[in-house]
Amino acid sequence: MNYILFDNESWQNFLPLTFTRPISEIRLGILKISEKWNKYLNQEISFLTQDYLSNKYPAKIVGENILINACVLPNKALLEAIESLSTGQILVHDGILIAALVKEEDVAKFDASLPEHSEKIVFEGELLRIEKSYDIFQLNDKALRDDFELLTAGRKSQEISKTVNVLCEENIFLEEGASVEFATLNAKEGPIYIGKDAEIMEGSLVRGPLAMCEHSALKLGAKVYGATTLGPYCKSGGELSNVVFFGYANKAHDGFLGNAVIGEWCNIGADTNNSNLKNNYSEVKLWNYKSNRFNKTGLQFCGTIMGDHSKCGINTMLNTGTVIGVSANVYGAGFPRNFIPSFSMGGNHGFQEYRLKAAHEVAQLVMQRRGIEFDEVEQGIMDHVFEITAKYRKSF
């Protein structure tokens, strides 16, 4: 059977993170959502997403296709229910479409809301689903534990160095090439996964759950609280608490990040800090692109959501509930506004538009350092995001 992960209207609730990716390319726990489905299905899936993203994330369509809601994380019971679907049947949970078996000619006109004239099969089992950007750090603990079991079942960890202080070693897994020396690993409250060729440097203090993907690094003396994820090729120092880095992003120096999601190709300058709790302990509001205003989150702790290719200068102070778009450049003294549009540069003193040509040049240099080409497809996505976010920069 051919499987396709589809974006529904929730795609807008994950902006600015989904300006540059489908929902299924969000990292949650250790793996991206698409990678989780690949593991469960034992085959590659494809994507049904926004038109301008489809060159990078194409859909493979055949005679019969099972379309799966990209907001949903797989589990064994859900997979069994999906594989039991017949043509014309849809799987629903709490009134939300979870999966459908669709013929080739019907994929293009597929309606992600509940299709009419379909036989509804209700899934009554446990389900983990993300619907908002802040669900990523909120649900990272559960997703990380599930991924840890999925990736380590029946396998043996690389041996931990005797220089490391360890608590609950059975909850710690080191992949081939992982390196940890003279650090403290406390896995009593949750698992610690250290990926291939990842490194925890001397003096680091780690309390799980923590996921470090391949070639990621914790710098000297880092302090990490769960549930935190460092995507591939991420480097971080300072203090982290419940932060998800998607990949290829750096926070190499001291400073605090808490209850935050950081996209790819981002850089957090030295001594940058974000607030994750308001002084009066009240509910945090967060900018929502769908409603075009600040919405209540129901959260007391909520830090920063940062889109791909954005940067912060040294000593940047980010207020509680700050949303930073794609390819923004934030710097200067004082607290900048807590909604920073894509392709803007500045800070508390004001913002101006960040030239698209300059954004191209920086992206090319940054990606080249990791051996990845900023090609026509990547440039096309960036150019489209520049155009569709222009309305947010009109006040500059």
Protein backbone atom coordinates (compact mmCIF):
# COMPACT_ATOMS: atom_id res chain seq x y z
CA MET A 1 0.00 0.00 0.00
CA ASN A 2 1.12 3.57 -0.71
CA TYR A 3 1.08 5.99 2.25
CA ILE A 4 0.87 9.79 2.07
CA LEU A 5 0.95 12.19 5.04
CA PHE A 6 -1.41 15.11 4.39
CA ASP A 7 -1.48 18.62 5.87
CA ASN A 8 -4.85 19.86 7.10
CA GLU A 9 -5.81 23.41 8.13
CA SER A 10 -3.61 23.03 11.23
CA TRP A 11 -0.65 23.80 8.93
CA GLN A 12 -1.33 27.48 9.64
CA ASN A 13 -1.22 26.93 13.41
CA PHE A 14 2.41 25.80 13.15
CA LEU A 15 3.62 28.89 11.28
CA PRO A 16 6.34 30.15 11.04
CA LEU A 17 7.79 26.63 11.40
CA THR A 18 5.69 25.29 8.51
CA PHE A 19 6.46 28.15 6.14
CA THR A 20 9.38 25.96 5.08
CA ARG A 21 8.13 22.39 5.67
CA PRO A 22 5.04 20.18 5.83
CA ILE A 23 3.67 19.34 9.28
CA SER A 24 5.12 15.85 8.95
CA GLU A 25 8.68 17.27 8.86
CA ILE A 26 8.34 18.65 12.39
CA ARG A 27 10.76 17.00 14.82
CA LEU A 28 9.05 15.77 17.98
CA GLY A 29 10.87 13.56 20.45
CA ILE A 30 13.87 12.09 18.61
CA LEU A 31 12.45 11.67 15.11
CA LYS A 32 10.50 13.78 12.67
CA ILE A 33 6.84 12.76 12.35
CA SER A 34 7.56 11.39 8.85
CA GLU A 35 10.48 9.35 10.19
CA LYS A 36 8.24 7.81 12.87
CA TRP A 37 5.79 6.65 10.20
CA ASN A 38 8.66 5.33 8.07
CA LYS A 39 9.78 3.19 11.02
CA TYR A 40 6.29 1.85 11.78
CA LEU A 41 5.42 1.17 8.15
CA ASN A 42 8.89 -0.01 7.17
CA GLN A 43 8.68 2.00 3.97
CA GLU A 44 9.11 5.56 2.75
CA ILE A 45 6.09 7.85 2.84
CA SER A 46 5.39 10.96 0.75
CA PHE A 47 3.67 14.28 1.34
CA LEU A 48 0.49 16.13 0.44
CA THR A 49 1.26 19.72 1.36
CA GLN A 50 1.25 23.33 0.10
CA ASP A 51 1.92 23.71 -3.63
CA TYR A 52 5.08 25.77 -3.18
CA LEU A 53 6.59 23.08 -0.91
CA SER A 54 5.78 20.17 -3.22
CA ASN A 55 9.01 20.38 -5.27
CA LYS A 56 11.00 19.52 -2.14
CA TYR A 57 8.29 17.36 -0.59
CA PRO A 58 6.47 15.62 -3.48
CA ALA A 59 3.52 13.24 -3.31
CA LYS A 60 3.84 9.75 -4.74
CA ILE A 61 0.38 8.73 -5.97
CA VAL A 62 -0.62 5.25 -7.19
CA GLY A 63 -3.86 3.36 -7.80
CA GLU A 64 -4.85 3.18 -4.12
CA ASN A 65 -3.41 5.39 -1.42
CA ILE A 66 -3.79 5.64 2.33
CA LEU A 67 -3.76 9.28 3.36
CA ILE A 68 -2.78 9.92 6.99
CA ASN A 69 -3.20 13.12 9.00
CA ALA A 70 0.33 14.53 9.45
CA CYS A 71 -0.54 15.85 12.92
CA VAL A 72 -0.93 12.31 14.24
CA LEU A 73 1.91 10.24 15.70
CA PRO A 74 1.89 6.49 14.98
CA ASN A 75 1.34 3.66 17.41
CA LYS A 76 0.68 -0.05 16.94
CA ALA A 77 -3.10 0.08 17.52
CA LEU A 78 -3.51 3.05 15.18
CA LEU A 79 -1.48 1.35 12.46
CA GLU A 80 -3.68 -1.75 12.67
CA ALA A 81 -6.82 0.39 12.35
CA ILE A 82 -5.41 2.24 9.34
CA GLU A 83 -4.35 -0.95 7.56
CA SER A 84 -7.86 -2.37 8.03
CA LEU A 85 -9.50 0.44 6.01
CA SER A 86 -11.37 -0.38 2.81
CA THR A 87 -12.03 1.92 -0.15
CA GLY A 88 -14.56 4.58 0.82
CA GLN A 89 -13.89 4.26 4.54
CA ILE A 90 -12.33 6.96 6.72
CA LEU A 91 -10.84 6.69 10.20
CA VAL A 92 -11.86 9.43 12.65
CA HIS A 93 -11.05 10.35 16.24
CA ASP A 94 -12.81 13.09 18.24
CA GLY A 95 -14.40 14.34 15.02
CA ILE A 96 -11.01 14.71 13.27
CA LEU A 97 -10.09 12.85 10.09
CA ILE A 98 -7.16 10.56 10.85
CA ALA A 99 -6.84 8.46 7.68
CA ALA A 100 -8.62 7.57 4.46
CA LEU A 101 -8.19 5.05 1.65
CA VAL A 102 -8.33 7.10 -1.56
CA LYS A 103 -8.12 6.15 -5.24
CA GLU A 104 -5.57 7.85 -7.50
CA GLU A 105 -8.11 10.06 -9.26
CA ASP A 106 -9.50 11.34 -5.96
CA VAL A 107 -6.23 12.42 -4.31
CA ALA A 108 -6.07 15.81 -6.06
CA LYS A 109 -9.56 16.75 -4.81
CA PHE A 110 -9.10 15.22 -1.37
CA ASP A 111 -10.83 17.20 1.38
CA ALA A 112 -8.93 17.12 4.69
CA SER A 113 -12.15 17.82 6.54
CA LEU A 114 -14.51 14.88 7.00
CA PRO A 115 -15.57 13.85 3.45
CA GLU A 116 -19.24 13.31 2.83
CA HIS A 117 -20.61 9.96 1.65
CA SER A 118 -17.80 8.09 3.42
CA GLU A 119 -18.21 5.32 5.93
CA LYS A 120 -16.78 6.54 9.24
CA ILE A 121 -14.73 4.15 11.37
CA VAL A 122 -14.14 5.56 14.86
CA PHE A 123 -10.72 4.97 16.41
CA GLU A 124 -11.17 4.76 20.17
CA GLY A 125 -7.58 3.96 21.17
CA GLU A 126 -4.88 6.24 22.56
CA LEU A 127 -3.75 8.94 20.15
CA LEU A 128 -0.99 11.57 20.30
CA ARG A 129 -1.74 14.54 18.04
CA ILE A 130 -0.25 18.02 17.71
CA GLU A 131 -2.47 20.97 16.76
CA LYS A 132 -0.48 24.10 17.77
CA SER A 133 3.16 25.16 17.58
CA TYR A 134 3.53 25.01 21.36
CA ASP A 135 2.30 21.39 21.37
CA ILE A 136 5.78 20.56 20.10
CA PHE A 137 7.50 21.31 23.40
CA GLN A 138 4.41 20.39 25.43
CA LEU A 139 4.30 16.83 24.02
CA ASN A 140 8.04 16.36 23.56
CA ASP A 141 8.36 14.36 26.78
CA LYS A 142 5.88 11.66 25.71
CA ALA A 143 7.14 11.56 22.13
CA LEU A 144 10.76 11.29 23.24
CA ARG A 145 10.02 8.32 25.52
CA ASP A 146 8.09 6.57 22.73
CA ASP A 147 10.91 7.15 20.22
CA PHE A 148 13.51 5.93 22.71
CA GLU A 149 11.67 2.61 23.02
CA LEU A 150 11.20 2.38 19.25
CA LEU A 151 14.86 3.01 18.43
CA THR A 152 16.56 1.04 21.22
CA ALA A 153 14.35 -2.06 21.58
CA GLY A 154 16.46 -5.21 21.41
CA ARG A 155 19.68 -3.24 20.92
CA LYS A 156 22.72 -2.72 23.14
CA SER A 157 24.10 0.71 23.97
CA GLN A 158 27.70 1.66 23.45
CA GLU A 159 29.56 1.51 26.76
CA ILE A 160 29.53 4.67 28.88
CA SER A 161 32.92 6.05 29.91
CA LYS A 162 33.93 5.55 33.55
CA THR A 163 34.60 9.30 33.78
CA VAL A 164 30.84 9.98 33.59
CA ASN A 165 28.59 10.32 36.66
CA VAL A 166 25.57 8.15 35.86
CA LEU A 167 22.16 7.65 37.43
CA CYS A 168 19.84 4.96 35.98
CA GLU A 169 22.25 3.74 33.31
CA GLU A 170 19.55 1.41 31.94
CA ASN A 171 17.71 4.51 30.64
CA ILE A 172 20.74 5.80 28.70
CA PHE A 173 21.60 4.79 25.14
CA LEU A 174 24.70 5.79 23.17
CA GLU A 175 24.82 5.15 19.44
CA GLU A 176 28.03 4.30 17.58
CA GLY A 177 30.58 7.10 17.77
CA ALA A 178 28.82 8.99 20.58
CA SER A 179 31.21 10.58 23.06
CA VAL A 180 30.64 11.58 26.70
CA GLU A 181 33.43 12.39 29.15
CA PHE A 182 33.47 13.96 32.64
CA ALA A 183 29.75 14.83 32.50
CA THR A 184 26.74 13.99 34.70
CA LEU A 185 23.85 12.03 33.18
CA ASN A 186 20.72 11.64 35.33
CA ALA A 187 18.16 9.44 33.60
CA LYS A 188 16.00 8.84 36.66
CA GLU A 189 13.17 11.06 35.40
CA GLY A 190 13.44 10.12 31.74
CA PRO A 191 15.64 8.48 29.08
CA ILE A 192 18.78 10.00 27.55
CA TYR A 193 19.49 9.18 23.90
CA ILE A 194 22.85 10.20 22.42
CA GLY A 195 22.94 9.72 18.67
CA LYS A 196 25.66 8.69 16.25
CA ASP A 197 28.81 10.83 16.55
CA ALA A 198 27.09 13.17 19.04
CA GLU A 199 29.16 14.62 21.88
CA ILE A 200 28.56 15.78 25.44
CA MET A 201 31.57 17.82 26.54
CA GLU A 202 33.15 17.97 29.96
CA GLY A 203 31.27 19.50 32.87
CA SER A 204 27.82 19.20 31.29
CA LEU A 205 24.90 18.45 33.61
CA VAL A 206 22.03 16.56 31.99
CA ARG A 207 18.69 15.54 33.43
CA GLY A 208 16.52 13.46 31.10
CA PRO A 209 14.58 13.07 29.04
CA LEU A 210 17.07 14.28 26.45
CA ALA A 211 17.50 13.39 22.77
CA MET A 212 20.66 14.23 20.86
CA CYS A 213 20.54 13.38 17.17
CA GLU A 214 23.57 12.57 15.02
CA HIS A 215 26.53 14.95 15.15
CA SER A 216 24.89 17.18 17.76
CA ALA A 217 26.91 18.56 20.67
CA LEU A 218 26.52 19.93 24.18
CA LYS A 219 29.29 22.43 24.86
CA LEU A 220 31.44 22.65 27.98
CA GLY A 221 29.41 23.07 31.18
CA ALA A 222 25.98 22.98 29.53
CA LYS A 223 22.96 22.50 31.81
CA VAL A 224 20.00 20.63 30.33
CA TYR A 225 16.59 19.82 31.78
CA GLY A 226 14.05 17.53 30.09
CA ALA A 227 12.29 17.24 27.84
CA THR A 228 14.82 18.61 25.37
CA THR A 229 15.78 17.61 21.82
CA LEU A 230 18.85 18.60 19.81
CA GLY A 231 18.29 17.77 16.15
CA PRO A 232 21.14 16.70 13.86
CA TYR A 233 24.23 18.90 13.77
CA CYS A 234 22.95 21.19 16.55
CA LYS A 235 25.35 22.69 19.08
CA SER A 236 24.24 24.13 22.39
CA GLY A 237 25.72 25.55 25.54
CA GLY A 238 24.23 27.40 28.51
CA GLU A 239 20.91 26.32 30.00
CA LEU A 240 18.09 24.53 28.20
CA SER A 241 14.72 23.51 29.60
CA ASN A 242 12.08 21.81 27.43
CA VAL A 243 13.50 23.04 24.12
CA VAL A 244 13.22 21.40 20.68
CA PHE A 245 15.87 22.22 18.05
CA PHE A 246 14.82 20.86 14.65
CA GLY A 247 18.36 20.60 13.28
CA TYR A 248 21.43 22.47 11.98
CA ALA A 249 20.97 25.23 14.58
CA ASN A 250 23.44 26.63 17.10
CA LYS A 251 23.24 28.09 20.59
CA ALA A 252 26.90 27.65 21.31
CA HIS A 253 27.26 29.93 24.35
CA ASP A 254 25.76 30.74 27.73
CA GLY A 255 22.19 31.98 28.04
CA PHE A 256 18.80 30.45 28.85
CA LEU A 257 16.16 28.99 26.53
CA GLY A 258 13.01 27.44 27.96
CA ASN A 259 9.77 26.04 26.51
CA ALA A 260 10.92 26.88 23.01
CA VAL A 261 11.02 25.52 19.45
CA ILE A 262 13.92 26.49 17.19
CA GLY A 263 13.82 25.75 13.45
CA GLU A 264 16.70 24.80 11.17
CA TRP A 265 19.70 26.98 10.23
CA CYS A 266 19.18 29.29 13.22
CA ASN A 267 21.89 30.86 15.38
CA ILE A 268 21.39 32.11 18.94
CA GLY A 269 24.04 34.68 19.93
CA ALA A 270 26.06 34.55 23.14
CA ASP A 271 24.13 35.31 26.34
CA THR A 272 20.78 35.41 24.56
CA ASN A 273 17.95 34.65 27.01
CA ASN A 274 14.25 34.05 26.61
CA SER A 275 11.60 34.49 29.27
CA ASN A 276 9.24 31.55 29.59
CA LEU A 277 7.18 32.88 32.52
CA LYS A 278 5.50 36.27 32.87
CA ASN A 279 6.27 38.37 35.94
CA ASN A 280 2.64 38.15 37.08
CA TYR A 281 2.48 34.37 36.34
CA SER A 282 -0.52 34.90 34.04
CA GLU A 283 -1.45 32.98 30.90
CA VAL A 284 0.82 33.52 27.91
CA LYS A 285 -0.57 34.76 24.60
CA LEU A 286 1.16 33.84 21.34
CA TRP A 287 0.92 35.30 17.84
CA ASN A 288 -1.22 33.12 15.57
CA TYR A 289 -0.98 33.54 11.79
CA LYS A 290 -4.39 31.98 11.19
CA SER A 291 -6.31 34.40 13.41
CA ASN A 292 -3.86 37.23 12.69
CA ARG A 293 -3.68 38.18 16.36
CA PHE A 294 -2.31 37.07 19.72
CA ASN A 295 -4.25 34.06 21.03
CA LYS A 296 -4.42 32.61 24.52
CA THR A 297 -2.38 29.44 24.90
CA GLY A 298 -3.66 28.18 28.25
CA LEU A 299 0.02 27.94 29.24
CA GLN A 300 1.88 29.54 32.12
CA PHE A 301 5.24 28.56 30.61
CA CYS A 302 5.86 29.49 26.96
CA GLY A 303 9.08 30.88 25.55
CA THR A 304 10.06 31.31 21.90
CA ILE A 305 8.99 29.90 18.52
CA MET A 306 11.66 30.63 15.86
CA GLY A 307 11.38 29.93 12.14
CA ASP A 308 14.17 28.64 9.90
CA HIS A 309 17.24 30.75 9.04
CA SER A 310 16.65 33.31 11.83
CA LYS A 311 19.45 34.72 13.96
CA CYS A 312 19.85 36.53 17.30
CA GLY A 313 22.78 38.81 18.11
CA ILE A 314 24.66 38.64 21.42
CA ASN A 315 22.78 39.60 24.60
CA THR A 316 19.38 39.44 22.89
CA MET A 317 16.48 39.43 25.36
CA LEU A 318 13.32 37.68 24.18
CA ASN A 319 10.08 38.27 26.04
CA THR A 320 7.62 35.58 27.13
CA GLY A 321 5.74 34.14 24.16
CA THR A 322 7.89 35.53 21.32
CA VAL A 323 7.30 34.38 17.74
CA ILE A 324 10.13 34.98 15.26
CA GLY A 325 9.51 34.35 11.56
CA VAL A 326 11.77 32.97 8.83
CA SER A 327 15.12 34.60 8.11
CA ALA A 328 14.79 37.35 10.73
CA ASN A 329 17.83 39.08 12.22
CA VAL A 330 17.27 40.26 15.80
CA TYR A 331 19.81 42.36 17.73
CA GLY A 332 20.31 45.36 20.01
CA ALA A 333 19.56 46.27 23.62
CA GLY A 334 16.15 45.93 25.28
CA PHE A 335 13.24 43.60 24.55
CA PRO A 336 12.11 43.49 20.90
CA ARG A 337 8.42 43.07 20.06
CA ASN A 338 7.05 39.58 20.70
CA PHE A 339 5.97 39.07 17.09
CA ILE A 340 8.88 39.52 14.69
CA PRO A 341 7.87 39.09 11.03
CA SER A 342 9.87 37.04 8.55
CA PHE A 343 12.70 38.85 6.72
CA SER A 344 12.94 41.64 9.27
CA MET A 345 16.05 42.98 10.98
CA GLY A 346 16.37 45.09 14.09
CA GLY A 347 15.24 45.04 17.70
CA ASN A 348 13.78 47.24 20.41
CA HIS A 349 14.91 50.30 18.45
CA GLY A 350 12.76 49.28 15.47
CA PHE A 351 12.80 46.99 12.45
CA GLN A 352 13.40 47.23 8.73
CA GLU A 353 13.07 44.73 5.91
CA TYR A 354 15.89 42.21 5.54
CA ARG A 355 16.82 42.17 1.85
CA LEU A 356 16.07 38.91 0.06
CA LYS A 357 19.45 38.90 -1.69
CA ALA A 358 21.22 39.16 1.66
CA ALA A 359 19.09 36.29 3.02
CA HIS A 360 20.13 34.17 0.02
CA GLU A 361 23.81 34.92 0.62
CA VAL A 362 23.67 34.04 4.32
CA ALA A 363 21.68 30.84 3.72
CA GLN A 364 24.16 29.73 1.06
CA LEU A 365 27.14 30.29 3.40
CA VAL A 366 25.52 28.65 6.43
CA MET A 367 24.30 25.57 4.56
CA GLN A 368 27.58 25.21 2.68
CA ARG A 369 29.36 24.76 6.03
CA ARG A 370 27.32 21.57 6.51
CA GLY A 371 27.87 20.33 2.97
CA ILE A 372 24.29 21.12 1.90
CA GLU A 373 23.52 23.15 -1.20
CA PHE A 374 21.22 26.14 -1.13
CA ASP A 375 19.78 25.11 -4.48
CA GLU A 376 16.97 26.41 -6.69
CA VAL A 377 14.37 24.44 -4.74
CA GLU A 378 15.48 25.92 -1.39
CA GLN A 379 15.68 29.39 -2.93
CA GLY A 380 12.21 29.01 -4.43
CA ILE A 381 10.73 28.23 -1.01
CA MET A 382 12.53 31.17 0.59
CA ASP A 383 11.41 33.54 -2.19
CA HIS A 384 7.79 32.43 -1.82
CA VAL A 385 7.87 32.91 1.95
CA PHE A 386 9.30 36.41 1.39
CA GLU A 387 6.32 37.25 -0.83
CA ILE A 388 3.54 35.83 1.34
CA THR A 389 4.89 37.46 4.51
CA ALA A 390 5.34 40.94 2.99
CA LYS A 391 2.07 42.14 4.57
CA TYR A 392 3.52 41.73 8.06
CA ARG A 393 6.38 44.15 7.21
CA LYS A 394 4.20 47.00 5.95
CA SER A 395 4.48 48.83 9.28
CA PHE A 396 8.26 49.18 8.98
